[in-house]
């Protein structure tokens, strides 16, 4: 089994710094960034696919020695100013930038994760979406509330208990969770769910529910361990979501996401292009609700 580092070790400065994960994250992002992405000519003699350390150091405005030490798990703890420079130099997304700060033991802008309580305002919005698939999700992908049409489309996702409440846990431990999506889309779902769990773990630490899910999946799923090692953060789905319904078949739906920043919850609303086959199937589901077409 592949060893996964515990991201809560303390170094001599008595702050939470995960030097192994920090070095891995920087190295992988440097290798992912191409010369063309930052305006550097590739040249005929370049053998590496990503950027060289000296190129990243120049983009970040720091010495090659300092940056190299970070990738070699050495050197002093980087300051917030240094981390901001690295985030700019490596063209990190906001999610990746926040993750970088947390790995280095700094507080990134974050929203407090509260309980499963759904704000009354969000409930009112959901009440007005009865003819639309919509659901409120926690930061760990737990369904808190669903409209009638969301249950017809995806099933009652609020019924699960324990670790099964989290979609990422069900995804890697239950074949039933995968039947709702085409098999060709499974690798992308695995990466997105793992990316979301990594962000929650980095934000809330070793005593959090995210940490418990991480530990359980590390023990239970070789696929999860392999995807986790990619150290991806902030992934998004590239286009419409494809959902396989047992009665009406394949639907291609756009997913709009509304964030409740205070609650660290999201409202997901699924829509189809008017006049499309998927739109007609949604209308059919609206008529039959969660009753089987064969009944």
C-alpha atoms as a PDB file:
ATOM      1  CA  UNK A   1       0.000   0.000   0.000  1.00  0.00           C
ATOM      2  CA  UNK A   2       1.266   3.449  -0.876  1.00  0.00           C
ATOM      3  CA  UNK A   3       2.177   5.514   2.159  1.00  0.00           C
ATOM      4  CA  UNK A   4       0.302   8.812   2.410  1.00  0.00           C
ATOM      5  CA  UNK A   5       1.944  11.457   4.580  1.00  0.00           C
ATOM      6  CA  UNK A   6       0.161  12.882   7.605  1.00  0.00           C
ATOM      7  CA  UNK A   7      -0.255  16.614   6.858  1.00  0.00           C
ATOM      8  CA  UNK A   8      -0.159  17.675  10.528  1.00  0.00           C
ATOM      9  CA  UNK A   9       3.481  17.211  11.521  1.00  0.00           C
ATOM     10  CA  UNK A  10       5.244  20.023  13.382  1.00  0.00           C
ATOM     11  CA  UNK A  11       8.651  21.322  12.492  1.00  0.00           C
ATOM     12  CA  UNK A  12      11.105  23.174  14.718  1.00  0.00           C
ATOM     13  CA  UNK A  13       9.203  26.444  14.361  1.00  0.00           C
ATOM     14  CA  UNK A  14       6.228  24.880  16.184  1.00  0.00           C
ATOM     15  CA  UNK A  15       3.789  25.543  13.369  1.00  0.00           C
ATOM     16  CA  UNK A  16       1.845  23.156  11.212  1.00  0.00           C
ATOM     17  CA  UNK A  17       3.988  22.679   8.126  1.00  0.00           C
ATOM     18  CA  UNK A  18       3.880  19.657   5.870  1.00  0.00           C
ATOM     19  CA  UNK A  19       7.197  19.858   4.082  1.00  0.00           C
ATOM     20  CA  UNK A  20       6.667  16.624   2.153  1.00  0.00           C
ATOM     21  CA  UNK A  21       3.285  17.626   0.754  1.00  0.00           C
ATOM     22  CA  UNK A  22       4.455  21.192   0.133  1.00  0.00           C
ATOM     23  CA  UNK A  23       7.429  19.954  -1.884  1.00  0.00           C
ATOM     24  CA  UNK A  24       5.255  17.501  -3.797  1.00  0.00           C
ATOM     25  CA  UNK A  25       2.653  20.134  -4.594  1.00  0.00           C
ATOM     26  CA  UNK A  26       5.238  22.642  -5.867  1.00  0.00           C
ATOM     27  CA  UNK A  27       7.029  20.035  -7.951  1.00  0.00           C
ATOM     28  CA  UNK A  28       3.863  18.765  -9.589  1.00  0.00           C
ATOM     29  CA  UNK A  29       2.563  22.236 -10.398  1.00  0.00           C
ATOM     30  CA  UNK A  30       5.950  23.231 -11.838  1.00  0.00           C
ATOM     31  CA  UNK A  31       5.905  20.141 -14.053  1.00  0.00           C
ATOM     32  CA  UNK A  32       2.333  20.850 -15.155  1.00  0.00           C
ATOM     33  CA  UNK A  33       3.097  24.440 -16.188  1.00  0.00           C
ATOM     34  CA  UNK A  34       4.361  24.665 -19.767  1.00  0.00           C
ATOM     35  CA  UNK A  35       6.830  27.274 -21.110  1.00  0.00           C
ATOM     36  CA  UNK A  36       4.166  28.566 -23.498  1.00  0.00           C
ATOM     37  CA  UNK A  37       1.874  29.244 -20.523  1.00  0.00           C
ATOM     38  CA  UNK A  38       4.265  31.884 -19.178  1.00  0.00           C
ATOM     39  CA  UNK A  39       5.706  33.258 -22.423  1.00  0.00           C
ATOM     40  CA  UNK A  40       8.975  31.294 -22.382  1.00  0.00           C
ATOM     41  CA  UNK A  41      10.219  29.844 -25.706  1.00  0.00           C
ATOM     42  CA  UNK A  42      10.389  26.066 -25.507  1.00  0.00           C
ATOM     43  CA  UNK A  43      13.535  25.762 -27.607  1.00  0.00           C
ATOM     44  CA  UNK A  44      14.751  22.684 -29.513  1.00  0.00           C
ATOM     45  CA  UNK A  45      16.940  21.326 -26.682  1.00  0.00           C
ATOM     46  CA  UNK A  46      14.360  21.308 -23.888  1.00  0.00           C
ATOM     47  CA  UNK A  47      13.902  17.792 -22.560  1.00  0.00           C
ATOM     48  CA  UNK A  48      11.549  18.414 -19.638  1.00  0.00           C
ATOM     49  CA  UNK A  49       7.843  18.923 -20.330  1.00  0.00           C
ATOM     50  CA  UNK A  50       7.326  21.460 -17.544  1.00  0.00           C
ATOM     51  CA  UNK A  51       9.308  24.426 -16.251  1.00  0.00           C
ATOM     52  CA  UNK A  52      12.785  24.336 -14.768  1.00  0.00           C
ATOM     53  CA  UNK A  53      13.334  25.435 -11.186  1.00  0.00           C
ATOM     54  CA  UNK A  54      15.315  28.458 -12.271  1.00  0.00           C
ATOM     55  CA  UNK A  55      12.457  29.545 -14.519  1.00  0.00           C
ATOM     56  CA  UNK A  56       9.936  29.296 -11.702  1.00  0.00           C
ATOM     57  CA  UNK A  57      12.275  31.151  -9.353  1.00  0.00           C
ATOM     58  CA  UNK A  58      12.554  34.001 -11.869  1.00  0.00           C
ATOM     59  CA  UNK A  59       8.771  34.140 -12.257  1.00  0.00           C
ATOM     60  CA  UNK A  60       8.387  34.284  -8.477  1.00  0.00           C
ATOM     61  CA  UNK A  61      11.098  36.907  -7.968  1.00  0.00           C
ATOM     62  CA  UNK A  62      13.263  34.776  -5.649  1.00  0.00           C
ATOM     63  CA  UNK A  63      16.595  32.997  -5.786  1.00  0.00           C
ATOM     64  CA  UNK A  64      16.929  29.583  -7.384  1.00  0.00           C
ATOM     65  CA  UNK A  65      18.522  28.288  -4.176  1.00  0.00           C
ATOM     66  CA  UNK A  66      15.557  29.374  -2.040  1.00  0.00           C
ATOM     67  CA  UNK A  67      12.962  27.844  -4.338  1.00  0.00           C
ATOM     68  CA  UNK A  68      14.991  24.639  -4.754  1.00  0.00           C
ATOM     69  CA  UNK A  69      15.163  24.198  -0.995  1.00  0.00           C
ATOM     70  CA  UNK A  70      11.369  24.216  -0.802  1.00  0.00           C
ATOM     71  CA  UNK A  71      11.119  21.407  -3.341  1.00  0.00           C
ATOM     72  CA  UNK A  72      13.853  19.540  -1.464  1.00  0.00           C
ATOM     73  CA  UNK A  73      11.962  19.795   1.854  1.00  0.00           C
ATOM     74  CA  UNK A  74      14.626  22.088   3.298  1.00  0.00           C
ATOM     75  CA  UNK A  75      15.019  25.725   4.178  1.00  0.00           C
ATOM     76  CA  UNK A  76      13.029  28.085   6.344  1.00  0.00           C
ATOM     77  CA  UNK A  77       9.285  28.301   6.445  1.00  0.00           C
ATOM     78  CA  UNK A  78       8.136  30.570   3.583  1.00  0.00           C
ATOM     79  CA  UNK A  79       6.439  33.805   4.557  1.00  0.00           C
ATOM     80  CA  UNK A  80       2.996  34.799   3.347  1.00  0.00           C
ATOM     81  CA  UNK A  81       4.640  37.221   0.913  1.00  0.00           C
ATOM     82  CA  UNK A  82       6.802  34.447  -0.513  1.00  0.00           C
ATOM     83  CA  UNK A  83       3.799  32.137  -0.845  1.00  0.00           C
ATOM     84  CA  UNK A  84       1.836  34.838  -2.645  1.00  0.00           C
ATOM     85  CA  UNK A  85       4.742  35.277  -5.061  1.00  0.00           C
ATOM     86  CA  UNK A  86       4.920  31.521  -5.674  1.00  0.00           C
ATOM     87  CA  UNK A  87       1.170  31.386  -6.278  1.00  0.00           C
ATOM     88  CA  UNK A  88       1.489  34.112  -8.905  1.00  0.00           C
ATOM     89  CA  UNK A  89       4.562  32.561 -10.494  1.00  0.00           C
ATOM     90  CA  UNK A  90       2.996  29.116 -10.780  1.00  0.00           C
ATOM     91  CA  UNK A  91      -0.313  30.561 -12.002  1.00  0.00           C
ATOM     92  CA  UNK A  92      -2.234  28.843  -9.199  1.00  0.00           C
ATOM     93  CA  UNK A  93      -5.984  29.018  -8.963  1.00  0.00           C
ATOM     94  CA  UNK A  94      -7.513  30.525  -5.815  1.00  0.00           C
ATOM     95  CA  UNK A  95      -8.161  27.035  -4.432  1.00  0.00           C
ATOM     96  CA  UNK A  96      -4.582  26.011  -5.137  1.00  0.00           C
ATOM     97  CA  UNK A  97      -3.259  29.232  -3.585  1.00  0.00           C
ATOM     98  CA  UNK A  98      -5.226  28.642  -0.380  1.00  0.00           C
ATOM     99  CA  UNK A  99      -4.011  25.049  -0.304  1.00  0.00           C
ATOM    100  CA  UNK A 100      -0.406  26.235  -0.661  1.00  0.00           C
ATOM    101  CA  UNK A 101      -0.818  28.591   2.300  1.00  0.00           C
ATOM    102  CA  UNK A 102      -2.234  25.858   4.494  1.00  0.00           C
ATOM    103  CA  UNK A 103       0.508  23.389   3.641  1.00  0.00           C
ATOM    104  CA  UNK A 104       3.030  26.014   4.747  1.00  0.00           C
ATOM    105  CA  UNK A 105       1.250  26.553   8.066  1.00  0.00           C
ATOM    106  CA  UNK A 106      -0.387  29.878   7.245  1.00  0.00           C
ATOM    107  CA  UNK A 107      -4.042  30.808   7.485  1.00  0.00           C
ATOM    108  CA  UNK A 108      -5.635  31.238   4.088  1.00  0.00           C
ATOM    109  CA  UNK A 109      -8.888  33.130   3.580  1.00  0.00           C
ATOM    110  CA  UNK A 110     -11.446  30.581   4.596  1.00  0.00           C
ATOM    111  CA  UNK A 111     -15.066  30.187   5.557  1.00  0.00           C
ATOM    112  CA  UNK A 112     -16.058  28.526   8.782  1.00  0.00           C
ATOM    113  CA  UNK A 113     -17.668  25.138   8.306  1.00  0.00           C
ATOM    114  CA  UNK A 114     -20.822  25.023  10.390  1.00  0.00           C
ATOM    115  CA  UNK A 115     -23.295  22.265  11.084  1.00  0.00           C
ATOM    116  CA  UNK A 116     -25.871  20.727   8.793  1.00  0.00           C
ATOM    117  CA  UNK A 117     -28.198  23.632   9.481  1.00  0.00           C
ATOM    118  CA  UNK A 118     -29.461  25.170   6.231  1.00  0.00           C
ATOM    119  CA  UNK A 119     -30.117  28.896   6.311  1.00  0.00           C
ATOM    120  CA  UNK A 120     -33.756  29.917   6.077  1.00  0.00           C
ATOM    121  CA  UNK A 121     -33.029  32.067   3.029  1.00  0.00           C
ATOM    122  CA  UNK A 122     -31.557  29.090   1.158  1.00  0.00           C
ATOM    123  CA  UNK A 123     -34.595  27.025   2.140  1.00  0.00           C
ATOM    124  CA  UNK A 124     -36.879  29.655   0.628  1.00  0.00           C
ATOM    125  CA  UNK A 125     -34.940  29.581  -2.624  1.00  0.00           C
ATOM    126  CA  UNK A 126     -35.154  25.792  -2.697  1.00  0.00           C
ATOM    127  CA  UNK A 127     -38.911  25.922  -2.076  1.00  0.00           C
ATOM    128  CA  UNK A 128     -39.302  27.977  -5.261  1.00  0.00           C
ATOM    129  CA  UNK A 129     -37.423  25.383  -7.309  1.00  0.00           C
ATOM    130  CA  UNK A 130     -39.898  22.530  -6.938  1.00  0.00           C
ATOM    131  CA  UNK A 131     -39.972  21.947 -10.710  1.00  0.00           C
ATOM    132  CA  UNK A 132     -36.149  21.938 -10.932  1.00  0.00           C
ATOM    133  CA  UNK A 133     -33.539  19.420  -9.728  1.00  0.00           C
ATOM    134  CA  UNK A 134     -31.740  21.281  -6.942  1.00  0.00           C
ATOM    135  CA  UNK A 135     -30.038  20.325  -3.695  1.00  0.00           C
ATOM    136  CA  UNK A 136     -28.076  21.871  -0.841  1.00  0.00           C
ATOM    137  CA  UNK A 137     -24.692  20.254  -0.220  1.00  0.00           C
ATOM    138  CA  UNK A 138     -22.235  20.526   2.648  1.00  0.00           C
ATOM    139  CA  UNK A 139     -18.548  21.192   2.124  1.00  0.00           C
ATOM    140  CA  UNK A 140     -17.952  17.425   2.164  1.00  0.00           C
ATOM    141  CA  UNK A 141     -20.515  16.639  -0.522  1.00  0.00           C
ATOM    142  CA  UNK A 142     -23.273  15.606   1.881  1.00  0.00           C
ATOM    143  CA  UNK A 143     -26.811  16.198   0.611  1.00  0.00           C
ATOM    144  CA  UNK A 144     -28.701  18.252   3.190  1.00  0.00           C
ATOM    145  CA  UNK A 145     -31.880  19.117   1.281  1.00  0.00           C
ATOM    146  CA  UNK A 146     -33.266  18.082  -2.117  1.00  0.00           C
ATOM    147  CA  UNK A 147     -36.172  19.173  -4.233  1.00  0.00           C
ATOM    148  CA  UNK A 148     -38.700  16.600  -5.370  1.00  0.00           C
ATOM    149  CA  UNK A 149     -37.206  16.549  -8.871  1.00  0.00           C
ATOM    150  CA  UNK A 150     -33.664  16.168  -7.497  1.00  0.00           C
ATOM    151  CA  UNK A 151     -34.795  13.028  -5.681  1.00  0.00           C
ATOM    152  CA  UNK A 152     -36.420  11.789  -8.893  1.00  0.00           C
ATOM    153  CA  UNK A 153     -33.194  12.406 -10.800  1.00  0.00           C
ATOM    154  CA  UNK A 154     -30.565  11.260  -8.298  1.00  0.00           C
ATOM    155  CA  UNK A 155     -32.461   9.375  -5.614  1.00  0.00           C
ATOM    156  CA  UNK A 156     -32.837  10.367  -1.973  1.00  0.00           C
ATOM    157  CA  UNK A 157     -29.260  11.282  -1.066  1.00  0.00           C
ATOM    158  CA  UNK A 158     -30.219  12.532   2.407  1.00  0.00           C
ATOM    159  CA  UNK A 159     -30.982   9.024   3.678  1.00  0.00           C
ATOM    160  CA  UNK A 160     -27.367   7.946   4.184  1.00  0.00           C
ATOM    161  CA  UNK A 161     -25.748   7.694   7.612  1.00  0.00           C
ATOM    162  CA  UNK A 162     -22.169   7.847   8.906  1.00  0.00           C
ATOM    163  CA  UNK A 163     -19.351   8.096   6.397  1.00  0.00           C
ATOM    164  CA  UNK A 164     -21.771   7.083   3.641  1.00  0.00           C
ATOM    165  CA  UNK A 165     -23.268  10.559   3.829  1.00  0.00           C
ATOM    166  CA  UNK A 166     -20.233  11.906   1.953  1.00  0.00           C
ATOM    167  CA  UNK A 167     -20.380  11.372  -1.806  1.00  0.00           C
ATOM    168  CA  UNK A 168     -16.608  10.928  -2.012  1.00  0.00           C
ATOM    169  CA  UNK A 169     -16.789   7.998   0.414  1.00  0.00           C
ATOM    170  CA  UNK A 170     -19.654   6.307  -1.425  1.00  0.00           C
ATOM    171  CA  UNK A 171     -17.896   6.881  -4.742  1.00  0.00           C
ATOM    172  CA  UNK A 172     -14.851   4.827  -3.782  1.00  0.00           C
ATOM    173  CA  UNK A 173     -16.651   2.166  -1.725  1.00  0.00           C
ATOM    174  CA  UNK A 174     -19.992   1.511  -3.444  1.00  0.00           C
ATOM    175  CA  UNK A 175     -20.684   0.404  -6.994  1.00  0.00           C
ATOM    176  CA  UNK A 176     -24.210   1.788  -6.657  1.00  0.00           C
ATOM    177  CA  UNK A 177     -22.866   5.353  -6.383  1.00  0.00           C
ATOM    178  CA  UNK A 178     -21.225   5.023  -9.807  1.00  0.00           C
ATOM    179  CA  UNK A 179     -24.212   3.682 -11.692  1.00  0.00           C
ATOM    180  CA  UNK A 180     -25.661   7.173 -11.991  1.00  0.00           C
ATOM    181  CA  UNK A 181     -22.789   8.246 -14.279  1.00  0.00           C
ATOM    182  CA  UNK A 182     -21.376   6.867 -17.567  1.00  0.00           C
ATOM    183  CA  UNK A 183     -18.324   4.720 -17.012  1.00  0.00           C
ATOM    184  CA  UNK A 184     -16.200   6.929 -19.269  1.00  0.00           C
ATOM    185  CA  UNK A 185     -16.796   9.828 -16.844  1.00  0.00           C
ATOM    186  CA  UNK A 186     -15.700   7.894 -13.752  1.00  0.00           C
ATOM    187  CA  UNK A 187     -12.013   8.975 -13.803  1.00  0.00           C
ATOM    188  CA  UNK A 188     -12.992  12.661 -13.816  1.00  0.00           C
ATOM    189  CA  UNK A 189     -15.453  12.152 -10.954  1.00  0.00           C
ATOM    190  CA  UNK A 190     -12.749  10.368  -8.957  1.00  0.00           C
ATOM    191  CA  UNK A 191     -10.357  13.291  -9.424  1.00  0.00           C
ATOM    192  CA  UNK A 192     -12.925  15.983  -8.606  1.00  0.00           C
ATOM    193  CA  UNK A 193     -14.218  14.235  -5.479  1.00  0.00           C
ATOM    194  CA  UNK A 194     -10.670  13.597  -4.245  1.00  0.00           C
ATOM    195  CA  UNK A 195      -9.702  17.211  -4.930  1.00  0.00           C
ATOM    196  CA  UNK A 196     -12.641  18.413  -2.845  1.00  0.00           C
ATOM    197  CA  UNK A 197     -11.748  16.101   0.032  1.00  0.00           C
ATOM    198  CA  UNK A 198      -8.123  17.254  -0.034  1.00  0.00           C
ATOM    199  CA  UNK A 199      -9.217  20.884   0.222  1.00  0.00           C
ATOM    200  CA  UNK A 200     -11.494  20.097   3.183  1.00  0.00           C
ATOM    201  CA  UNK A 201      -8.740  18.099   4.931  1.00  0.00           C
ATOM    202  CA  UNK A 202      -6.157  20.837   4.480  1.00  0.00           C
ATOM    203  CA  UNK A 203      -8.624  23.444   5.760  1.00  0.00           C
ATOM    204  CA  UNK A 204      -9.979  21.642   8.822  1.00  0.00           C
ATOM    205  CA  UNK A 205      -7.085  19.438   9.941  1.00  0.00           C
ATOM    206  CA  UNK A 206      -6.519  16.022  11.473  1.00  0.00           C
ATOM    207  CA  UNK A 207      -9.438  16.098  13.914  1.00  0.00           C
ATOM    208  CA  UNK A 208     -12.036  16.857  11.272  1.00  0.00           C
ATOM    209  CA  UNK A 209     -14.649  14.714   9.578  1.00  0.00           C
ATOM    210  CA  UNK A 210     -12.660  15.132   6.348  1.00  0.00           C
ATOM    211  CA  UNK A 211      -9.684  13.480   8.068  1.00  0.00           C
ATOM    212  CA  UNK A 212     -11.845  10.537   9.136  1.00  0.00           C
ATOM    213  CA  UNK A 213     -13.057  10.068   5.564  1.00  0.00           C
ATOM    214  CA  UNK A 214      -9.491  10.315   4.280  1.00  0.00           C
ATOM    215  CA  UNK A 215      -8.282   7.646   6.727  1.00  0.00           C
ATOM    216  CA  UNK A 216     -11.139   5.296   5.877  1.00  0.00           C
ATOM    217  CA  UNK A 217     -10.645   5.650   2.130  1.00  0.00           C
ATOM    218  CA  UNK A 218      -6.882   5.251   2.394  1.00  0.00           C
ATOM    219  CA  UNK A 219      -7.454   1.882   4.035  1.00  0.00           C
ATOM    220  CA  UNK A 220     -10.305   0.805   1.766  1.00  0.00           C
ATOM    221  CA  UNK A 221      -9.500   1.920  -1.779  1.00  0.00           C
ATOM    222  CA  UNK A 222      -6.380   1.504  -3.889  1.00  0.00           C
ATOM    223  CA  UNK A 223      -7.919   3.771  -6.512  1.00  0.00           C
ATOM    224  CA  UNK A 224      -8.359   6.537  -3.940  1.00  0.00           C
ATOM    225  CA  UNK A 225      -4.734   6.241  -2.837  1.00  0.00           C
ATOM    226  CA  UNK A 226      -3.593   6.505  -6.453  1.00  0.00           C
ATOM    227  CA  UNK A 227      -5.740   9.577  -7.189  1.00  0.00           C
ATOM    228  CA  UNK A 228      -4.744  11.218  -3.881  1.00  0.00           C
ATOM    229  CA  UNK A 229      -1.082  11.021  -4.865  1.00  0.00           C
ATOM    230  CA  UNK A 230      -1.777  13.337  -7.824  1.00  0.00           C
ATOM    231  CA  UNK A 231      -2.169  16.186  -5.304  1.00  0.00           C
ATOM    232  CA  UNK A 232      -4.844  17.959  -7.334  1.00  0.00           C
ATOM    233  CA  UNK A 233      -6.809  20.808  -5.817  1.00  0.00           C
ATOM    234  CA  UNK A 234      -9.722  22.956  -6.963  1.00  0.00           C
ATOM    235  CA  UNK A 235     -10.782  20.765  -9.884  1.00  0.00           C
ATOM    236  CA  UNK A 236     -14.011  21.598 -11.713  1.00  0.00           C
ATOM    237  CA  UNK A 237     -16.086  19.627 -14.168  1.00  0.00           C
ATOM    238  CA  UNK A 238     -15.175  20.701 -17.717  1.00  0.00           C
ATOM    239  CA  UNK A 239     -18.708  20.717 -19.160  1.00  0.00           C
ATOM    240  CA  UNK A 240     -22.254  19.446 -18.683  1.00  0.00           C
ATOM    241  CA  UNK A 241     -22.726  16.584 -16.252  1.00  0.00           C
ATOM    242  CA  UNK A 242     -23.941  13.340 -17.762  1.00  0.00           C
ATOM    243  CA  UNK A 243     -26.356  11.410 -15.569  1.00  0.00           C
ATOM    244  CA  UNK A 244     -27.694   7.919 -16.222  1.00  0.00           C
ATOM    245  CA  UNK A 245     -31.248   7.565 -14.951  1.00  0.00           C
ATOM    246  CA  UNK A 246     -32.548   3.985 -14.642  1.00  0.00           C
ATOM    247  CA  UNK A 247     -35.852   4.869 -16.335  1.00  0.00           C
ATOM    248  CA  UNK A 248     -35.286   7.715 -18.806  1.00  0.00           C
ATOM    249  CA  UNK A 249     -31.659   7.017 -19.714  1.00  0.00           C
ATOM    250  CA  UNK A 250     -28.843   9.513 -20.280  1.00  0.00           C
ATOM    251  CA  UNK A 251     -29.298  13.215 -19.489  1.00  0.00           C
ATOM    252  CA  UNK A 252     -26.796  16.012 -20.155  1.00  0.00           C
ATOM    253  CA  UNK A 253     -27.327  18.742 -17.583  1.00  0.00           C
ATOM    254  CA  UNK A 254     -25.655  22.013 -16.724  1.00  0.00           C
ATOM    255  CA  UNK A 255     -24.965  22.485 -13.027  1.00  0.00           C
ATOM    256  CA  UNK A 256     -25.123  26.004 -11.612  1.00  0.00           C
ATOM    257  CA  UNK A 257     -23.508  26.394  -8.198  1.00  0.00           C
ATOM    258  CA  UNK A 258     -24.540  29.063  -5.679  1.00  0.00           C
ATOM    259  CA  UNK A 259     -22.356  29.409  -2.579  1.00  0.00           C
ATOM    260  CA  UNK A 260     -23.559  30.231   0.918  1.00  0.00           C
ATOM    261  CA  UNK A 261     -20.306  31.663   2.236  1.00  0.00           C
ATOM    262  CA  UNK A 262     -21.443  31.802   5.871  1.00  0.00           C
ATOM    263  CA  UNK A 263     -22.471  28.161   6.005  1.00  0.00           C
ATOM    264  CA  UNK A 264     -19.795  26.763   3.650  1.00  0.00           C
ATOM    265  CA  UNK A 265     -22.623  25.113   1.743  1.00  0.00           C
ATOM    266  CA  UNK A 266     -23.584  25.103  -1.920  1.00  0.00           C
ATOM    267  CA  UNK A 267     -26.879  25.084  -3.762  1.00  0.00           C
ATOM    268  CA  UNK A 268     -26.647  22.982  -6.919  1.00  0.00           C
ATOM    269  CA  UNK A 269     -29.231  23.604  -9.647  1.00  0.00           C
ATOM    270  CA  UNK A 270     -29.417  21.290 -12.670  1.00  0.00           C
ATOM    271  CA  UNK A 271     -30.798  22.598 -15.970  1.00  0.00           C
ATOM    272  CA  UNK A 272     -31.069  21.313 -19.538  1.00  0.00           C
ATOM    273  CA  UNK A 273     -30.957  23.183 -22.836  1.00  0.00           C
ATOM    274  CA  UNK A 274     -34.592  24.038 -23.752  1.00  0.00           C
ATOM    275  CA  UNK A 275     -35.884  21.818 -26.525  1.00  0.00           C
ATOM    276  CA  UNK A 276     -33.181  19.217 -26.081  1.00  0.00           C
ATOM    277  CA  UNK A 277     -33.792  15.542 -25.411  1.00  0.00           C
ATOM    278  CA  UNK A 278     -32.490  16.005 -21.876  1.00  0.00           C
ATOM    279  CA  UNK A 279     -34.986  18.830 -21.329  1.00  0.00           C
ATOM    280  CA  UNK A 280     -37.830  16.552 -22.406  1.00  0.00           C
ATOM    281  CA  UNK A 281     -36.606  13.838 -20.048  1.00  0.00           C
ATOM    282  CA  UNK A 282     -36.538  16.316 -17.156  1.00  0.00           C
ATOM    283  CA  UNK A 283     -40.133  17.270 -17.939  1.00  0.00           C
ATOM    284  CA  UNK A 284     -41.062  13.593 -17.899  1.00  0.00           C
ATOM    285  CA  UNK A 285     -39.369  13.147 -14.516  1.00  0.00           C
ATOM    286  CA  UNK A 286     -41.267  16.181 -13.248  1.00  0.00           C
ATOM    287  CA  UNK A 287     -44.533  14.428 -14.128  1.00  0.00           C
ATOM    288  CA  UNK A 288     -43.716  11.029 -12.653  1.00  0.00           C
ATOM    289  CA  UNK A 289     -41.663  12.328  -9.709  1.00  0.00           C
ATOM    290  CA  UNK A 290     -39.798   9.616  -7.876  1.00  0.00           C
ATOM    291  CA  UNK A 291     -42.231   6.922  -8.963  1.00  0.00           C
ATOM    292  CA  UNK A 292     -40.925   4.272 -11.321  1.00  0.00           C
ATOM    293  CA  UNK A 293     -42.137   4.491 -14.932  1.00  0.00           C
ATOM    294  CA  UNK A 294     -42.896   0.784 -14.727  1.00  0.00           C
ATOM    295  CA  UNK A 295     -45.338   1.252 -11.840  1.00  0.00           C
END
